[in-house]
Amino acid sequence: MTCDVAAFAAHPDDVELFAGGTICTLVNRGHRVGLVDLTRGELGSRGTPEIRAEEARRAADILGASVRLNLGIPDGDIQDTAENRRRVIGALRTLRPRIALINAPECRHPDHVAASRLVASAVFYSGLTKIETLDADGQLQEPWRPHHVLHYIQSIDLEPTLVVDVSAVWERRMQALRAYASQFHSTEYEAGADEPETFVSNPAFMDWIEARMKVAGYRIGAAYGEPFIYRHGPIGTDDLFGMLEKKKPFR
């Protein structure tokens, strides 16, 4: 189950919304990517946990993810506790990613900020030898700490450290997002009488997502881009030319 990259999310669909294209580009380059949802999204105003689980499975297949885990932390109560850290540490030590993608450090949704703090804490503690966790077979897990951690940017427009060109995979990325018919505007989903229109189910939300990624892409000379913040920067290098040898594509 080891992966090159692990993308963590407070809820199923967070990753697809803000880092789905990046996942597609990584998979296209032959990297194994694991998705880890902290909660089942059971407090969502639309759909059910069972519907969202099936939608998450379909979305993961479209993205090409190697594995998708759900840690079962209560939605709306993502606390940085020892118990929750152990759940995340167990996932980190199982997947052993070199890169971790995590929720935004600032966002309109409190769960996203809480998830960011929880996973960031777990990333550090996962490298400590005296914190012991067991795998599914009851065997002691080896410590592991990802080499790099990046926040994907969510509803609040933060200044990115880097932007990934996702132009070539844009349609696939949006197909994965549309797998969540219960959450976003879709003619395939008939909302119940007790399921109101939400911030993300409004038809204009998808227009905003596209506009957001067009703006990010334009800054790097691409049609579409996904912005990230590198946690605990700056990024170090001993080979400046090698790091920057790819020609910047100015328009």
Protein backbone atom coordinates (compact mmCIF):
# COMPACT_ATOMS: atom_id res chain seq x y z
CA MET A 1 0.00 0.00 0.00
CA THR A 2 3.00 2.34 -0.01
CA CYS A 3 2.57 5.48 -2.10
CA ASP A 4 4.75 8.27 -3.42
CA VAL A 5 2.18 10.90 -2.46
CA ALA A 6 -0.63 10.96 0.11
CA ALA A 7 -3.40 13.55 -0.16
CA PHE A 8 -5.29 14.15 3.09
CA ALA A 9 -8.73 15.75 3.32
CA ALA A 10 -11.20 16.70 6.00
CA HIS A 11 -14.04 15.42 3.80
CA PRO A 12 -14.46 13.29 0.70
CA ASP A 13 -14.30 15.77 -2.24
CA ASP A 14 -11.81 18.26 -0.69
CA VAL A 15 -8.92 16.81 -2.66
CA GLU A 16 -10.91 16.60 -5.89
CA LEU A 17 -11.96 20.23 -5.54
CA PHE A 18 -8.54 21.75 -5.04
CA ALA A 19 -5.86 19.19 -5.94
CA GLY A 20 -7.56 16.75 -8.32
CA GLY A 21 -5.60 17.86 -11.35
CA THR A 22 -2.33 17.54 -9.47
CA ILE A 23 -3.26 13.97 -8.55
CA CYS A 24 -3.94 13.24 -12.22
CA THR A 25 -0.58 14.66 -13.32
CA LEU A 26 1.25 12.60 -10.69
CA VAL A 27 -0.53 9.40 -11.72
CA ASN A 28 0.21 10.12 -15.38
CA ARG A 29 3.90 10.30 -14.51
CA GLY A 30 3.78 6.87 -12.91
CA HIS A 31 3.55 7.88 -9.25
CA ARG A 32 1.37 6.02 -6.76
CA VAL A 33 -1.04 8.35 -4.97
CA GLY A 34 -3.09 7.52 -1.90
CA LEU A 35 -6.13 9.50 -0.73
CA VAL A 36 -6.97 9.74 2.98
CA ASP A 37 -10.31 11.21 4.07
CA LEU A 38 -10.46 12.04 7.78
CA THR A 39 -14.27 11.95 8.03
CA ARG A 40 -17.22 10.51 6.11
CA GLY A 41 -18.71 13.99 5.65
CA GLU A 42 -21.76 12.86 7.59
CA LEU A 43 -22.76 16.41 8.58
CA GLY A 44 -23.14 17.50 4.96
CA SER A 45 -26.51 19.04 4.15
CA ARG A 46 -26.94 16.86 1.06
CA GLY A 47 -26.52 13.16 0.43
CA THR A 48 -25.68 10.49 3.00
CA PRO A 49 -22.39 8.98 4.19
CA GLU A 50 -23.14 5.91 2.09
CA ILE A 51 -23.75 7.97 -1.05
CA ARG A 52 -20.61 10.00 -0.45
CA ALA A 53 -18.55 6.84 0.08
CA GLU A 54 -19.66 5.52 -3.32
CA GLU A 55 -19.00 8.90 -4.93
CA ALA A 56 -15.53 8.96 -3.35
CA ARG A 57 -14.79 5.50 -4.73
CA ARG A 58 -15.79 6.55 -8.24
CA ALA A 59 -13.79 9.76 -8.02
CA ALA A 60 -10.68 7.89 -6.85
CA ASP A 61 -10.99 5.52 -9.83
CA ILE A 62 -11.21 8.47 -12.22
CA LEU A 63 -8.19 10.16 -10.68
CA GLY A 64 -6.23 6.91 -10.80
CA ALA A 65 -5.49 6.79 -7.07
CA SER A 66 -3.88 3.56 -5.82
CA VAL A 67 -5.79 3.49 -2.55
CA ARG A 68 -8.40 5.51 -0.65
CA LEU A 69 -8.72 5.31 3.13
CA ASN A 70 -11.25 6.80 5.52
CA LEU A 71 -10.16 7.31 9.13
CA GLY A 72 -13.67 7.68 10.57
CA ILE A 73 -13.00 10.82 12.61
CA PRO A 74 -16.33 12.53 13.49
CA ASP A 75 -17.31 15.20 11.00
CA GLY A 76 -17.44 18.63 12.63
CA ASP A 77 -15.21 17.46 15.47
CA ILE A 78 -11.73 17.15 13.96
CA GLN A 79 -9.59 17.71 17.01
CA ASP A 80 -5.82 17.47 17.34
CA THR A 81 -5.98 14.77 20.00
CA ALA A 82 -3.62 11.87 20.69
CA GLU A 83 -6.25 9.40 19.43
CA ASN A 84 -6.81 11.25 16.17
CA ARG A 85 -3.09 11.76 15.65
CA ARG A 86 -2.57 8.02 15.99
CA ARG A 87 -5.13 7.39 13.25
CA VAL A 88 -3.31 9.76 10.92
CA ILE A 89 0.10 8.44 11.97
CA GLY A 90 -1.09 4.92 11.17
CA ALA A 91 -2.07 6.04 7.67
CA LEU A 92 1.25 7.84 7.16
CA ARG A 93 3.24 4.81 8.28
CA THR A 94 1.16 2.52 6.10
CA LEU A 95 1.42 4.64 2.95
CA ARG A 96 4.94 6.04 3.64
CA PRO A 97 4.59 8.95 1.18
CA ARG A 98 7.46 11.22 0.22
CA ILE A 99 4.99 14.08 -0.27
CA ALA A 100 1.87 14.89 1.75
CA LEU A 101 -0.86 17.22 0.48
CA ILE A 102 -3.06 18.63 3.24
CA ASN A 103 -5.96 21.04 3.76
CA ALA A 104 -5.53 24.81 3.69
CA PRO A 105 -4.17 26.60 6.78
CA GLU A 106 -6.98 29.18 6.48
CA CYS A 107 -10.50 28.59 5.16
CA ARG A 108 -14.16 29.50 5.67
CA HIS A 109 -14.89 25.94 6.83
CA PRO A 110 -13.51 25.28 10.35
CA ASP A 111 -13.06 21.56 9.57
CA HIS A 112 -10.53 22.36 6.88
CA VAL A 113 -8.36 24.41 9.23
CA ALA A 114 -8.70 21.77 11.95
CA ALA A 115 -7.71 19.01 9.52
CA SER A 116 -4.69 21.01 8.44
CA ARG A 117 -3.52 21.32 12.04
CA LEU A 118 -4.19 17.69 12.87
CA VAL A 119 -2.36 16.25 9.88
CA ALA A 120 0.55 18.69 10.25
CA SER A 121 0.98 17.57 13.86
CA ALA A 122 0.73 13.91 12.90
CA VAL A 123 3.36 14.34 10.17
CA PHE A 124 5.86 15.41 12.82
CA TYR A 125 4.92 12.82 15.44
CA SER A 126 4.90 10.05 12.84
CA GLY A 127 8.68 10.33 12.69
CA LEU A 128 9.20 9.74 16.42
CA THR A 129 10.38 6.23 17.28
CA LYS A 130 8.82 6.22 20.77
CA ILE A 131 5.28 6.68 19.41
CA GLU A 132 4.21 3.13 18.57
CA THR A 133 1.42 2.17 16.18
CA LEU A 134 0.30 -1.19 14.83
CA ASP A 135 -0.65 -2.13 11.29
CA ALA A 136 -3.77 -4.08 10.28
CA ASP A 137 -2.00 -7.35 11.13
CA GLY A 138 -0.99 -6.18 14.59
CA GLN A 139 2.65 -5.66 13.62
CA LEU A 140 4.64 -2.69 14.90
CA GLN A 141 4.93 0.02 12.27
CA GLU A 142 8.20 1.73 11.41
CA PRO A 143 8.38 5.51 11.95
CA TRP A 144 7.90 7.62 8.84
CA ARG A 145 7.83 11.32 8.08
CA PRO A 146 7.10 12.73 4.60
CA HIS A 147 9.92 14.77 3.08
CA HIS A 148 7.61 17.55 1.87
CA VAL A 149 4.23 18.90 2.98
CA LEU A 150 2.08 21.21 0.87
CA HIS A 151 -1.26 22.87 1.64
CA TYR A 152 -3.75 23.03 -1.20
CA ILE A 153 -5.60 26.36 -1.20
CA GLN A 154 -9.37 26.30 -0.62
CA SER A 155 -12.10 28.95 -0.31
CA ILE A 156 -9.86 31.80 0.90
CA ASP A 157 -7.48 33.09 -1.77
CA LEU A 158 -4.00 32.74 -0.24
CA GLU A 159 -0.71 33.57 -1.94
CA PRO A 160 0.74 30.31 -3.31
CA THR A 161 4.33 29.12 -3.15
CA LEU A 162 3.93 27.10 -6.34
CA VAL A 163 1.31 26.34 -8.96
CA VAL A 164 0.95 23.01 -10.78
CA ASP A 165 -0.02 23.14 -14.46
CA VAL A 166 -3.10 20.91 -14.77
CA SER A 167 -4.20 22.01 -18.24
CA ALA A 168 -3.63 18.60 -19.85
CA VAL A 169 -5.83 16.80 -17.29
CA TRP A 170 -8.50 19.43 -16.74
CA GLU A 171 -11.42 17.44 -18.14
CA ARG A 172 -10.50 14.34 -16.15
CA ARG A 173 -10.12 16.40 -13.01
CA MET A 174 -13.60 17.87 -13.50
CA GLN A 175 -15.04 14.44 -14.25
CA ALA A 176 -13.77 13.24 -10.87
CA LEU A 177 -15.33 16.27 -9.22
CA ARG A 178 -18.66 15.64 -10.92
CA ALA A 179 -18.68 12.14 -9.43
CA TYR A 180 -19.98 13.89 -6.29
CA ALA A 181 -23.42 14.46 -7.76
CA SER A 182 -24.99 14.77 -4.32
CA GLN A 183 -22.69 17.62 -3.34
CA PHE A 184 -22.38 19.76 -6.47
CA HIS A 185 -24.89 20.97 -9.04
CA SER A 186 -25.94 17.96 -11.10
CA THR A 187 -28.90 16.98 -13.22
CA GLU A 188 -28.27 13.37 -12.18
CA TYR A 189 -29.09 13.93 -8.51
CA GLU A 190 -32.56 14.65 -7.18
CA ALA A 191 -32.22 16.41 -3.85
CA GLY A 192 -34.68 15.52 -1.12
CA ALA A 193 -37.05 18.05 0.39
CA ASP A 194 -34.75 18.32 3.41
CA GLU A 195 -31.62 18.91 1.29
CA PRO A 196 -31.16 22.66 0.74
CA GLU A 197 -28.98 24.36 -1.83
CA THR A 198 -25.54 24.90 -0.33
CA PHE A 199 -22.44 27.00 -0.99
CA VAL A 200 -21.05 24.25 -3.24
CA SER A 201 -24.28 22.95 -4.85
CA ASN A 202 -25.08 26.35 -6.36
CA PRO A 203 -24.48 26.15 -10.14
CA ALA A 204 -22.18 29.19 -9.94
CA PHE A 205 -19.76 27.30 -7.68
CA MET A 206 -18.31 25.26 -10.54
CA ASP A 207 -17.83 28.48 -12.51
CA TRP A 208 -15.89 29.86 -9.54
CA ILE A 209 -13.70 26.75 -9.38
CA GLU A 210 -12.86 27.06 -13.07
CA ALA A 211 -12.19 30.79 -12.77
CA ARG A 212 -9.97 30.21 -9.73
CA MET A 213 -7.84 27.65 -11.55
CA LYS A 214 -7.68 29.82 -14.68
CA VAL A 215 -6.30 32.70 -12.62
CA ALA A 216 -3.71 30.44 -10.98
CA GLY A 217 -2.78 28.99 -14.35
CA TYR A 218 -2.43 32.40 -15.99
CA ARG A 219 0.19 33.38 -13.42
CA ILE A 220 2.46 30.59 -14.67
CA GLY A 221 1.50 30.78 -18.33
CA ALA A 222 -0.86 27.80 -18.29
CA ALA A 223 -4.55 27.44 -19.11
CA TYR A 224 -5.32 25.95 -15.69
CA GLY A 225 -3.29 25.68 -12.50
CA GLU A 226 -3.71 24.43 -8.94
CA PRO A 227 -2.02 26.57 -6.27
CA PHE A 228 -0.20 25.24 -3.20
CA ILE A 229 1.62 26.59 -0.16
CA TYR A 230 4.85 24.80 0.74
CA ARG A 231 4.78 24.22 4.49
CA HIS A 232 7.89 25.25 6.43
CA GLY A 233 9.61 26.81 3.42
CA PRO A 234 11.83 27.96 1.88
CA ILE A 235 12.56 25.10 -0.51
CA GLY A 236 16.27 24.31 -0.51
CA THR A 237 18.47 23.38 -3.45
CA ASP A 238 22.17 22.93 -4.24
CA ASP A 239 21.48 22.95 -7.99
CA LEU A 240 19.80 26.22 -8.94
CA PHE A 241 20.14 25.69 -12.69
CA GLY A 242 18.83 22.14 -12.51
CA MET A 243 15.88 23.28 -10.44
CA LEU A 244 15.01 26.09 -12.87
CA GLU A 245 16.15 24.66 -16.19
CA LYS A 246 12.62 24.15 -17.47
CA LYS A 247 11.81 27.21 -19.56
CA LYS A 248 9.08 29.39 -18.09
CA PRO A 249 6.21 29.44 -20.60
CA PHE A 250 5.41 33.13 -20.96
CA ARG A 251 2.38 34.02 -23.01
